[in-house]
N, C-alpha and C. Protein backbone atom coordinates (compact mmCIF):
# COMPACT_ATOMS: atom_id res chain seq x y z
N MET A 1 35.22 23.04 32.47
CA MET A 1 34.37 21.91 32.16
C MET A 1 34.95 21.10 31.00
N LEU A 2 35.56 21.80 30.04
CA LEU A 2 36.19 21.08 28.94
C LEU A 2 37.31 20.18 29.47
N ALA A 3 38.13 20.71 30.38
CA ALA A 3 39.23 19.92 30.93
C ALA A 3 38.70 18.69 31.67
N LEU A 4 37.65 18.87 32.46
CA LEU A 4 37.07 17.73 33.17
C LEU A 4 36.49 16.71 32.20
N THR A 5 35.81 17.20 31.16
CA THR A 5 35.22 16.30 30.17
C THR A 5 36.30 15.53 29.42
N LEU A 6 37.38 16.22 29.03
CA LEU A 6 38.48 15.54 28.34
C LEU A 6 39.16 14.51 29.24
N ALA A 7 39.40 14.89 30.49
CA ALA A 7 40.07 13.96 31.42
C ALA A 7 39.19 12.74 31.66
N ALA A 8 37.89 12.94 31.86
CA ALA A 8 36.99 11.81 32.07
C ALA A 8 36.85 10.98 30.79
N GLY A 9 36.80 11.65 29.64
CA GLY A 9 36.69 10.95 28.37
C GLY A 9 37.91 10.08 28.08
N ALA A 10 39.06 10.50 28.57
CA ALA A 10 40.29 9.72 28.37
C ALA A 10 40.26 8.38 29.10
N LEU A 11 39.29 8.19 29.98
CA LEU A 11 39.15 6.91 30.67
C LEU A 11 38.61 5.83 29.74
N GLY A 12 38.11 6.23 28.57
CA GLY A 12 37.75 5.28 27.53
C GLY A 12 36.34 4.73 27.56
N HIS A 13 35.43 5.38 28.24
CA HIS A 13 34.06 4.86 28.32
C HIS A 13 33.11 5.46 27.28
N TRP A 14 33.54 6.51 26.57
CA TRP A 14 32.70 7.12 25.54
C TRP A 14 33.58 7.84 24.55
N ASN A 15 32.99 8.22 23.41
CA ASN A 15 33.73 8.95 22.39
C ASN A 15 33.23 10.40 22.33
N ILE A 16 33.86 11.20 21.51
CA ILE A 16 33.51 12.63 21.43
C ILE A 16 32.07 12.83 20.99
N ASP A 17 31.58 11.97 20.11
CA ASP A 17 30.21 12.12 19.63
C ASP A 17 29.20 11.75 20.72
N ARG A 18 29.50 10.76 21.52
CA ARG A 18 28.64 10.42 22.66
C ARG A 18 28.64 11.57 23.65
N SER A 19 29.77 12.23 23.80
CA SER A 19 29.86 13.38 24.71
C SER A 19 28.96 14.51 24.23
N ARG A 20 28.99 14.81 22.93
CA ARG A 20 28.09 15.83 22.38
C ARG A 20 26.64 15.42 22.56
N HIS A 21 26.37 14.15 22.28
CA HIS A 21 25.01 13.63 22.40
C HIS A 21 24.46 13.83 23.82
N ALA A 22 25.31 13.58 24.82
CA ALA A 22 24.87 13.74 26.21
C ALA A 22 24.45 15.18 26.50
N ARG A 23 25.15 16.14 25.94
CA ARG A 23 24.78 17.54 26.15
C ARG A 23 23.53 17.91 25.34
N GLU A 24 23.50 17.47 24.08
CA GLU A 24 22.42 17.88 23.19
C GLU A 24 21.12 17.13 23.43
N SER A 25 21.16 16.09 24.26
CA SER A 25 19.95 15.32 24.57
C SER A 25 19.30 15.76 25.87
N LEU A 26 19.83 16.76 26.51
CA LEU A 26 19.20 17.25 27.73
C LEU A 26 17.80 17.75 27.39
N PRO A 27 16.84 17.55 28.28
CA PRO A 27 15.49 18.08 28.01
C PRO A 27 15.55 19.58 27.74
N PRO A 28 14.72 20.07 26.80
CA PRO A 28 14.79 21.49 26.42
C PRO A 28 14.74 22.46 27.59
N ALA A 29 13.88 22.23 28.57
CA ALA A 29 13.78 23.17 29.70
C ALA A 29 15.10 23.24 30.47
N ILE A 30 15.78 22.09 30.60
CA ILE A 30 17.07 22.08 31.30
C ILE A 30 18.14 22.69 30.41
N TYR A 31 18.17 22.29 29.14
CA TYR A 31 19.19 22.80 28.22
C TYR A 31 19.11 24.33 28.12
N TYR A 32 17.93 24.84 27.81
CA TYR A 32 17.80 26.29 27.61
C TYR A 32 17.80 27.08 28.91
N GLY A 33 17.56 26.40 30.03
CA GLY A 33 17.61 27.07 31.32
C GLY A 33 18.96 26.99 31.99
N SER A 34 19.95 26.44 31.30
CA SER A 34 21.29 26.26 31.87
C SER A 34 22.30 27.15 31.16
N SER A 35 23.33 27.51 31.89
CA SER A 35 24.43 28.24 31.26
C SER A 35 25.24 27.25 30.42
N TYR A 36 26.11 27.80 29.60
CA TYR A 36 26.99 26.97 28.76
C TYR A 36 27.74 25.94 29.61
N TYR A 37 28.30 26.39 30.72
CA TYR A 37 29.09 25.50 31.57
C TYR A 37 28.22 24.50 32.30
N GLU A 38 27.00 24.88 32.66
CA GLU A 38 26.07 23.93 33.29
C GLU A 38 25.69 22.82 32.30
N ILE A 39 25.52 23.17 31.03
CA ILE A 39 25.22 22.15 30.02
C ILE A 39 26.35 21.14 29.94
N TRP A 40 27.59 21.62 29.93
CA TRP A 40 28.74 20.72 29.90
C TRP A 40 28.79 19.87 31.17
N ARG A 41 28.51 20.46 32.33
CA ARG A 41 28.52 19.70 33.60
C ARG A 41 27.44 18.64 33.58
N ARG A 42 26.24 19.01 33.18
CA ARG A 42 25.13 18.04 33.15
C ARG A 42 25.42 16.91 32.16
N GLY A 43 26.00 17.25 31.01
CA GLY A 43 26.38 16.21 30.06
C GLY A 43 27.40 15.26 30.64
N LEU A 44 28.40 15.81 31.33
CA LEU A 44 29.44 14.97 31.94
C LEU A 44 28.83 14.08 33.02
N GLU A 45 27.94 14.62 33.81
CA GLU A 45 27.28 13.82 34.84
C GLU A 45 26.53 12.64 34.21
N THR A 46 25.85 12.90 33.10
CA THR A 46 25.13 11.84 32.39
C THR A 46 26.10 10.76 31.92
N LEU A 47 27.21 11.19 31.31
CA LEU A 47 28.21 10.23 30.81
C LEU A 47 28.79 9.39 31.94
N LEU A 48 29.14 10.04 33.04
CA LEU A 48 29.73 9.32 34.17
C LEU A 48 28.74 8.32 34.77
N ALA A 49 27.48 8.74 34.89
CA ALA A 49 26.46 7.84 35.45
C ALA A 49 26.19 6.68 34.50
N ASP A 50 26.05 6.98 33.19
CA ASP A 50 25.79 5.92 32.21
C ASP A 50 26.92 4.90 32.16
N ALA A 51 28.15 5.35 32.40
CA ALA A 51 29.31 4.45 32.39
C ALA A 51 29.48 3.70 33.71
N GLY A 52 28.63 4.02 34.70
CA GLY A 52 28.73 3.37 36.01
C GLY A 52 29.89 3.87 36.84
N LEU A 53 30.40 5.05 36.51
CA LEU A 53 31.54 5.60 37.25
C LEU A 53 31.12 6.40 38.47
N VAL A 54 29.88 6.84 38.49
CA VAL A 54 29.32 7.52 39.67
C VAL A 54 27.87 7.07 39.85
N SER A 55 27.40 7.17 41.07
CA SER A 55 26.01 6.83 41.36
C SER A 55 25.19 8.11 41.51
N ALA A 56 23.90 7.96 41.52
CA ALA A 56 23.01 9.12 41.73
C ALA A 56 23.29 9.75 43.09
N ASP A 57 23.54 8.91 44.10
CA ASP A 57 23.86 9.43 45.44
C ASP A 57 25.15 10.24 45.42
N GLU A 58 26.15 9.75 44.69
CA GLU A 58 27.42 10.47 44.61
C GLU A 58 27.24 11.81 43.90
N LEU A 59 26.45 11.82 42.85
CA LEU A 59 26.19 13.10 42.17
C LEU A 59 25.44 14.06 43.08
N MET A 60 24.48 13.54 43.84
CA MET A 60 23.68 14.38 44.72
C MET A 60 24.50 14.96 45.86
N THR A 61 25.35 14.13 46.47
CA THR A 61 26.09 14.57 47.66
C THR A 61 27.48 15.11 47.35
N GLY A 62 28.04 14.73 46.20
CA GLY A 62 29.41 15.12 45.90
C GLY A 62 30.44 14.30 46.67
N GLN A 63 29.98 13.21 47.27
CA GLN A 63 30.85 12.36 48.08
C GLN A 63 30.91 10.95 47.49
N THR A 64 32.10 10.33 47.53
CA THR A 64 32.27 8.96 47.07
C THR A 64 31.52 8.02 48.00
N VAL A 65 30.82 7.05 47.41
CA VAL A 65 30.13 6.03 48.18
C VAL A 65 30.72 4.69 47.76
N GLY A 66 31.37 4.02 48.66
CA GLY A 66 31.95 2.72 48.35
C GLY A 66 33.25 2.84 47.59
N ALA A 67 33.68 1.71 47.05
CA ALA A 67 34.94 1.65 46.32
C ALA A 67 34.79 2.35 44.97
N PRO A 68 35.87 2.97 44.49
CA PRO A 68 35.81 3.62 43.17
C PRO A 68 35.51 2.61 42.07
N ALA A 69 34.78 3.05 41.06
CA ALA A 69 34.46 2.18 39.92
C ALA A 69 35.71 1.93 39.10
N LEU A 70 35.75 0.79 38.45
CA LEU A 70 36.86 0.46 37.56
C LEU A 70 36.69 1.22 36.24
N THR A 71 37.81 1.67 35.69
CA THR A 71 37.78 2.40 34.43
C THR A 71 38.45 1.56 33.34
N ASN A 72 38.17 1.91 32.09
CA ASN A 72 38.76 1.19 30.96
C ASN A 72 40.25 1.48 30.80
N ARG A 73 40.65 2.66 31.23
CA ARG A 73 42.06 3.09 31.10
C ARG A 73 42.47 3.79 32.39
N PRO A 74 43.78 3.92 32.62
CA PRO A 74 44.23 4.67 33.80
C PRO A 74 43.90 6.16 33.65
N ALA A 75 43.89 6.86 34.76
CA ALA A 75 43.62 8.30 34.76
C ALA A 75 44.64 9.03 33.88
N LEU A 76 44.18 10.05 33.20
CA LEU A 76 45.04 10.86 32.34
C LEU A 76 45.97 11.70 33.21
N GLN A 77 47.26 11.57 32.98
CA GLN A 77 48.26 12.33 33.72
C GLN A 77 48.51 13.66 33.01
N ALA A 78 48.81 14.70 33.78
CA ALA A 78 49.02 16.04 33.22
C ALA A 78 50.04 16.03 32.08
N ALA A 79 51.09 15.28 32.22
CA ALA A 79 52.15 15.25 31.21
C ALA A 79 51.68 14.66 29.88
N HIS A 80 50.57 13.94 29.90
CA HIS A 80 50.07 13.29 28.68
C HIS A 80 48.98 14.08 27.96
N VAL A 81 48.51 15.17 28.56
CA VAL A 81 47.39 15.92 27.98
C VAL A 81 47.76 16.53 26.63
N VAL A 82 48.84 17.29 26.57
CA VAL A 82 49.21 17.97 25.32
C VAL A 82 49.51 16.96 24.21
N PRO A 83 50.32 15.91 24.47
CA PRO A 83 50.53 14.94 23.39
C PRO A 83 49.24 14.24 22.93
N MET A 84 48.34 13.94 23.87
CA MET A 84 47.08 13.29 23.51
C MET A 84 46.24 14.21 22.61
N LEU A 85 46.14 15.47 22.99
CA LEU A 85 45.36 16.41 22.19
C LEU A 85 46.02 16.66 20.83
N ALA A 86 47.33 16.72 20.80
CA ALA A 86 48.04 16.94 19.53
C ALA A 86 47.88 15.75 18.59
N ALA A 87 47.82 14.55 19.15
CA ALA A 87 47.69 13.34 18.32
C ALA A 87 46.31 13.24 17.68
N GLY A 88 45.29 13.77 18.37
CA GLY A 88 43.93 13.68 17.84
C GLY A 88 43.47 12.24 17.77
N SER A 89 42.39 12.04 17.05
CA SER A 89 41.84 10.69 16.86
C SER A 89 41.61 10.48 15.38
N PRO A 90 41.94 9.33 14.86
CA PRO A 90 41.71 9.08 13.43
C PRO A 90 40.23 8.78 13.17
N TYR A 91 39.60 9.59 12.37
CA TYR A 91 38.18 9.40 12.05
C TYR A 91 37.96 9.07 10.58
N THR A 92 39.03 9.02 9.79
CA THR A 92 38.87 8.64 8.38
C THR A 92 38.59 7.14 8.31
N ARG A 93 37.80 6.75 7.31
CA ARG A 93 37.44 5.34 7.13
C ARG A 93 37.41 5.01 5.65
N GLU A 94 37.50 3.71 5.35
CA GLU A 94 37.34 3.25 3.98
C GLU A 94 35.88 3.42 3.59
N PRO A 95 35.63 3.96 2.40
CA PRO A 95 34.24 4.18 2.00
C PRO A 95 33.52 2.86 1.73
N PRO A 96 32.26 2.75 2.17
CA PRO A 96 31.49 1.54 1.90
C PRO A 96 30.95 1.50 0.47
N ALA A 97 30.94 2.67 -0.19
CA ALA A 97 30.41 2.79 -1.56
C ALA A 97 30.99 4.06 -2.16
N PRO A 98 30.87 4.22 -3.48
CA PRO A 98 31.34 5.47 -4.09
C PRO A 98 30.53 6.67 -3.56
N ALA A 99 31.14 7.83 -3.63
CA ALA A 99 30.45 9.06 -3.21
C ALA A 99 29.21 9.26 -4.08
N ARG A 100 28.13 9.67 -3.45
CA ARG A 100 26.86 9.87 -4.16
C ARG A 100 26.84 11.19 -4.92
N PHE A 101 27.60 12.17 -4.44
CA PHE A 101 27.57 13.51 -5.02
C PHE A 101 28.96 13.89 -5.53
N ALA A 102 28.98 14.86 -6.45
CA ALA A 102 30.24 15.33 -7.04
C ALA A 102 30.33 16.85 -6.92
N GLN A 103 31.53 17.35 -7.00
CA GLN A 103 31.76 18.79 -6.96
C GLN A 103 30.90 19.46 -8.04
N GLY A 104 30.25 20.55 -7.66
CA GLY A 104 29.40 21.31 -8.57
C GLY A 104 27.94 20.88 -8.58
N GLN A 105 27.65 19.74 -7.98
CA GLN A 105 26.26 19.24 -7.97
C GLN A 105 25.41 20.01 -6.97
N ARG A 106 24.16 20.28 -7.36
CA ARG A 106 23.21 20.94 -6.47
C ARG A 106 22.56 19.90 -5.56
N VAL A 107 22.43 20.25 -4.30
CA VAL A 107 21.84 19.35 -3.31
C VAL A 107 20.90 20.14 -2.41
N ARG A 108 20.03 19.42 -1.74
CA ARG A 108 19.18 20.02 -0.72
C ARG A 108 19.46 19.31 0.60
N ALA A 109 19.72 20.09 1.64
CA ALA A 109 19.91 19.50 2.97
C ALA A 109 18.55 18.98 3.44
N ILE A 110 18.56 17.81 4.07
CA ILE A 110 17.31 17.24 4.54
C ILE A 110 16.71 18.15 5.62
N ASN A 111 15.42 18.09 5.76
CA ASN A 111 14.73 18.87 6.78
C ASN A 111 14.27 17.91 7.87
N ASP A 112 15.22 17.51 8.70
CA ASP A 112 14.99 16.52 9.74
C ASP A 112 15.37 17.15 11.07
N HIS A 113 14.65 16.79 12.11
CA HIS A 113 14.89 17.37 13.44
C HIS A 113 15.00 16.25 14.48
N PRO A 114 16.12 15.51 14.43
CA PRO A 114 16.27 14.40 15.37
C PRO A 114 16.50 14.91 16.79
N THR A 115 16.19 14.06 17.75
CA THR A 115 16.56 14.39 19.12
C THR A 115 18.02 14.00 19.30
N GLY A 116 18.72 14.70 20.12
CA GLY A 116 20.12 14.35 20.37
C GLY A 116 21.07 14.93 19.35
N HIS A 117 22.10 14.18 19.07
CA HIS A 117 23.27 14.67 18.35
C HIS A 117 23.11 14.62 16.83
N THR A 118 23.37 15.73 16.17
CA THR A 118 23.51 15.78 14.72
C THR A 118 24.47 16.92 14.39
N ARG A 119 25.20 16.77 13.31
CA ARG A 119 26.14 17.82 12.90
C ARG A 119 25.56 18.69 11.79
N LEU A 120 24.29 18.50 11.45
CA LEU A 120 23.64 19.33 10.43
C LEU A 120 23.02 20.55 11.09
N PRO A 121 23.51 21.75 10.77
CA PRO A 121 22.95 22.96 11.40
C PRO A 121 21.49 23.16 11.01
N ARG A 122 20.69 23.61 11.95
CA ARG A 122 19.26 23.85 11.69
C ARG A 122 19.06 24.86 10.56
N TYR A 123 19.90 25.88 10.50
CA TYR A 123 19.69 26.92 9.48
C TYR A 123 19.86 26.40 8.06
N ALA A 124 20.51 25.25 7.88
CA ALA A 124 20.72 24.70 6.54
C ALA A 124 19.64 23.70 6.14
N ARG A 125 18.85 23.26 7.08
CA ARG A 125 17.88 22.20 6.81
C ARG A 125 16.82 22.65 5.81
N GLY A 126 16.65 21.83 4.77
CA GLY A 126 15.68 22.13 3.73
C GLY A 126 16.17 23.11 2.68
N ARG A 127 17.40 23.56 2.79
CA ARG A 127 17.95 24.59 1.90
C ARG A 127 18.78 23.99 0.77
N LEU A 128 18.81 24.72 -0.35
CA LEU A 128 19.58 24.31 -1.53
C LEU A 128 21.01 24.84 -1.45
N GLY A 129 21.95 23.98 -1.82
CA GLY A 129 23.35 24.38 -1.86
C GLY A 129 24.07 23.65 -2.98
N THR A 130 25.36 23.91 -3.09
CA THR A 130 26.19 23.32 -4.13
C THR A 130 27.39 22.64 -3.50
N ILE A 131 27.68 21.42 -3.95
CA ILE A 131 28.87 20.71 -3.46
C ILE A 131 30.11 21.45 -3.95
N ALA A 132 30.92 21.94 -3.01
CA ALA A 132 32.16 22.63 -3.35
C ALA A 132 33.34 21.67 -3.33
N ALA A 133 33.26 20.62 -2.50
CA ALA A 133 34.36 19.66 -2.40
C ALA A 133 33.86 18.36 -1.80
N VAL A 134 34.47 17.28 -2.23
CA VAL A 134 34.25 15.98 -1.62
C VAL A 134 35.42 15.77 -0.67
N ARG A 135 35.16 15.69 0.62
CA ARG A 135 36.21 15.70 1.64
C ARG A 135 36.76 14.32 1.98
N GLY A 136 35.98 13.27 1.76
CA GLY A 136 36.42 11.93 2.11
C GLY A 136 35.37 11.22 2.92
N CYS A 137 35.73 10.04 3.39
CA CYS A 137 34.82 9.20 4.16
C CYS A 137 35.29 9.17 5.61
N PHE A 138 34.35 9.40 6.53
CA PHE A 138 34.68 9.52 7.95
C PHE A 138 33.64 8.82 8.80
N VAL A 139 33.97 8.62 10.06
CA VAL A 139 33.00 8.15 11.05
C VAL A 139 31.83 9.14 11.03
N PHE A 140 30.61 8.61 11.03
CA PHE A 140 29.41 9.44 11.02
C PHE A 140 29.06 9.79 12.47
N PRO A 141 29.21 11.06 12.88
CA PRO A 141 29.02 11.42 14.28
C PRO A 141 27.65 11.07 14.86
N ASP A 142 26.61 11.17 14.05
CA ASP A 142 25.26 10.92 14.56
C ASP A 142 25.10 9.49 15.09
N THR A 143 25.65 8.52 14.37
CA THR A 143 25.55 7.13 14.81
C THR A 143 26.71 6.73 15.72
N ASN A 144 27.85 7.39 15.57
CA ASN A 144 28.99 7.10 16.43
C ASN A 144 28.66 7.42 17.89
N ALA A 145 27.73 8.35 18.09
CA ALA A 145 27.29 8.70 19.45
C ALA A 145 26.69 7.50 20.17
N THR A 146 26.19 6.53 19.41
CA THR A 146 25.60 5.34 20.02
C THR A 146 26.46 4.10 19.79
N GLY A 147 27.70 4.30 19.34
CA GLY A 147 28.65 3.20 19.20
C GLY A 147 28.77 2.61 17.81
N ASP A 148 28.06 3.15 16.83
CA ASP A 148 28.13 2.64 15.46
C ASP A 148 28.84 3.66 14.58
N PRO A 149 30.11 3.44 14.19
CA PRO A 149 30.84 4.44 13.43
C PRO A 149 30.28 4.70 12.03
N ASP A 150 29.57 3.75 11.41
CA ASP A 150 28.85 3.91 10.14
C ASP A 150 29.53 4.91 9.19
N PRO A 151 30.65 4.57 8.56
CA PRO A 151 31.37 5.51 7.70
C PRO A 151 30.48 6.14 6.63
N GLN A 152 30.63 7.45 6.46
CA GLN A 152 29.85 8.20 5.48
C GLN A 152 30.74 9.23 4.79
N TRP A 153 30.41 9.52 3.53
CA TRP A 153 31.10 10.58 2.80
C TRP A 153 30.74 11.93 3.39
N CYS A 154 31.71 12.84 3.35
CA CYS A 154 31.50 14.20 3.84
C CYS A 154 31.82 15.18 2.70
N TYR A 155 31.02 16.22 2.61
CA TYR A 155 31.14 17.21 1.52
C TYR A 155 31.14 18.62 2.11
N THR A 156 31.84 19.52 1.45
CA THR A 156 31.67 20.94 1.75
C THR A 156 30.56 21.43 0.83
N VAL A 157 29.52 21.99 1.44
CA VAL A 157 28.36 22.48 0.71
C VAL A 157 28.29 23.99 0.92
N VAL A 158 28.15 24.73 -0.19
CA VAL A 158 28.07 26.18 -0.14
C VAL A 158 26.62 26.60 -0.38
N PHE A 159 26.13 27.46 0.50
CA PHE A 159 24.78 28.00 0.40
C PHE A 159 24.86 29.50 0.18
N ASP A 160 24.04 30.04 -0.72
CA ASP A 160 23.92 31.49 -0.85
C ASP A 160 23.26 32.02 0.41
N ALA A 161 23.72 33.17 0.86
CA ALA A 161 23.16 33.77 2.08
C ALA A 161 21.67 34.02 1.93
N THR A 162 21.23 34.41 0.73
CA THR A 162 19.80 34.67 0.53
C THR A 162 18.98 33.38 0.65
N GLU A 163 19.57 32.23 0.30
CA GLU A 163 18.87 30.95 0.46
C GLU A 163 18.66 30.64 1.94
N LEU A 164 19.63 31.01 2.76
CA LEU A 164 19.55 30.73 4.19
C LEU A 164 18.78 31.79 4.97
N TRP A 165 19.01 33.05 4.64
CA TRP A 165 18.51 34.14 5.50
C TRP A 165 17.45 35.01 4.83
N GLY A 166 17.15 34.76 3.55
CA GLY A 166 16.10 35.52 2.88
C GLY A 166 16.63 36.71 2.11
N ARG A 167 15.69 37.47 1.55
CA ARG A 167 16.04 38.60 0.67
C ARG A 167 16.85 39.69 1.36
N GLY A 168 16.78 39.79 2.67
CA GLY A 168 17.52 40.82 3.38
C GLY A 168 19.00 40.52 3.54
N ALA A 169 19.41 39.33 3.19
CA ALA A 169 20.82 38.94 3.32
C ALA A 169 21.64 39.54 2.18
N ASP A 170 22.91 39.70 2.42
CA ASP A 170 23.83 40.20 1.40
C ASP A 170 23.91 39.18 0.27
N PRO A 171 23.49 39.52 -0.94
CA PRO A 171 23.47 38.55 -2.04
C PRO A 171 24.87 38.09 -2.48
N ARG A 172 25.91 38.78 -2.03
CA ARG A 172 27.28 38.38 -2.38
C ARG A 172 27.87 37.39 -1.38
N SER A 173 27.18 37.16 -0.26
CA SER A 173 27.71 36.30 0.80
C SER A 173 27.27 34.86 0.63
N THR A 174 28.13 33.97 1.09
CA THR A 174 27.83 32.54 1.10
C THR A 174 28.21 31.96 2.46
N VAL A 175 27.66 30.81 2.75
CA VAL A 175 28.00 30.06 3.97
C VAL A 175 28.37 28.65 3.54
N SER A 176 29.49 28.16 4.04
CA SER A 176 29.93 26.80 3.74
C SER A 176 29.81 25.94 4.99
N ILE A 177 29.32 24.73 4.81
CA ILE A 177 29.28 23.76 5.91
C ILE A 177 29.85 22.44 5.40
N ASP A 178 30.36 21.65 6.31
CA ASP A 178 30.71 20.27 5.97
C ASP A 178 29.51 19.42 6.35
N ALA A 179 28.98 18.69 5.38
CA ALA A 179 27.76 17.92 5.57
C ALA A 179 27.98 16.47 5.15
N PHE A 180 27.54 15.56 5.99
CA PHE A 180 27.64 14.14 5.68
C PHE A 180 26.55 13.73 4.69
N GLU A 181 26.84 12.70 3.92
CA GLU A 181 25.94 12.26 2.86
C GLU A 181 24.50 12.01 3.31
N PRO A 182 24.25 11.40 4.49
CA PRO A 182 22.86 11.20 4.89
C PRO A 182 22.07 12.51 5.09
N TYR A 183 22.77 13.62 5.18
CA TYR A 183 22.11 14.92 5.34
C TYR A 183 21.64 15.52 4.03
N LEU A 184 22.01 14.91 2.91
CA LEU A 184 21.80 15.55 1.60
C LEU A 184 20.96 14.71 0.67
N ASP A 185 20.18 15.40 -0.14
CA ASP A 185 19.42 14.79 -1.22
C ASP A 185 19.77 15.54 -2.49
N PRO A 186 19.67 14.87 -3.66
CA PRO A 186 19.89 15.60 -4.92
C PRO A 186 18.82 16.70 -5.05
N ALA A 187 19.20 17.84 -5.58
CA ALA A 187 18.22 18.92 -5.80
C ALA A 187 17.25 18.48 -6.88
N ALA A 188 15.99 18.75 -6.64
CA ALA A 188 14.96 18.35 -7.62
C ALA A 188 14.90 19.33 -8.78
């Protein structure tokens, strides 16, 4: 499913964040009632249909109906897969403003539960952590999923295991996440 998603994505109709959004926006009953690979298939079907590359009839029957849809780019050839993956995509951006947080600063992850795509793990929401590093300014995946790259600062935030998992957690353990600035508030 990853290979199919990458090959279809190389046609240029969506970005990686839109691809994640398609999977993560499936209705809960479908998402939780599907296997890992079914989630990827359903997400790809959504992307293909939204881009006008397949019709509902084609998805239902598995048969082409009419002339093939036009794509933004030619089909990905096998010889180009490894170089394309090795090249990656540039996601760094010029910052729109100075970084809001600094190394060593205490922050609280927001406690927000949006539908669809977000890179903020649920287990960190509402929890206190410390900025371990300022990583730079990058495309913000949450808005990039809808076509708005909205550059945001990204930070490595370290959380004590007891803050995340409670008193039963190993007090010597920590968890680090990379968190975008909109996910964080200054600790009160």
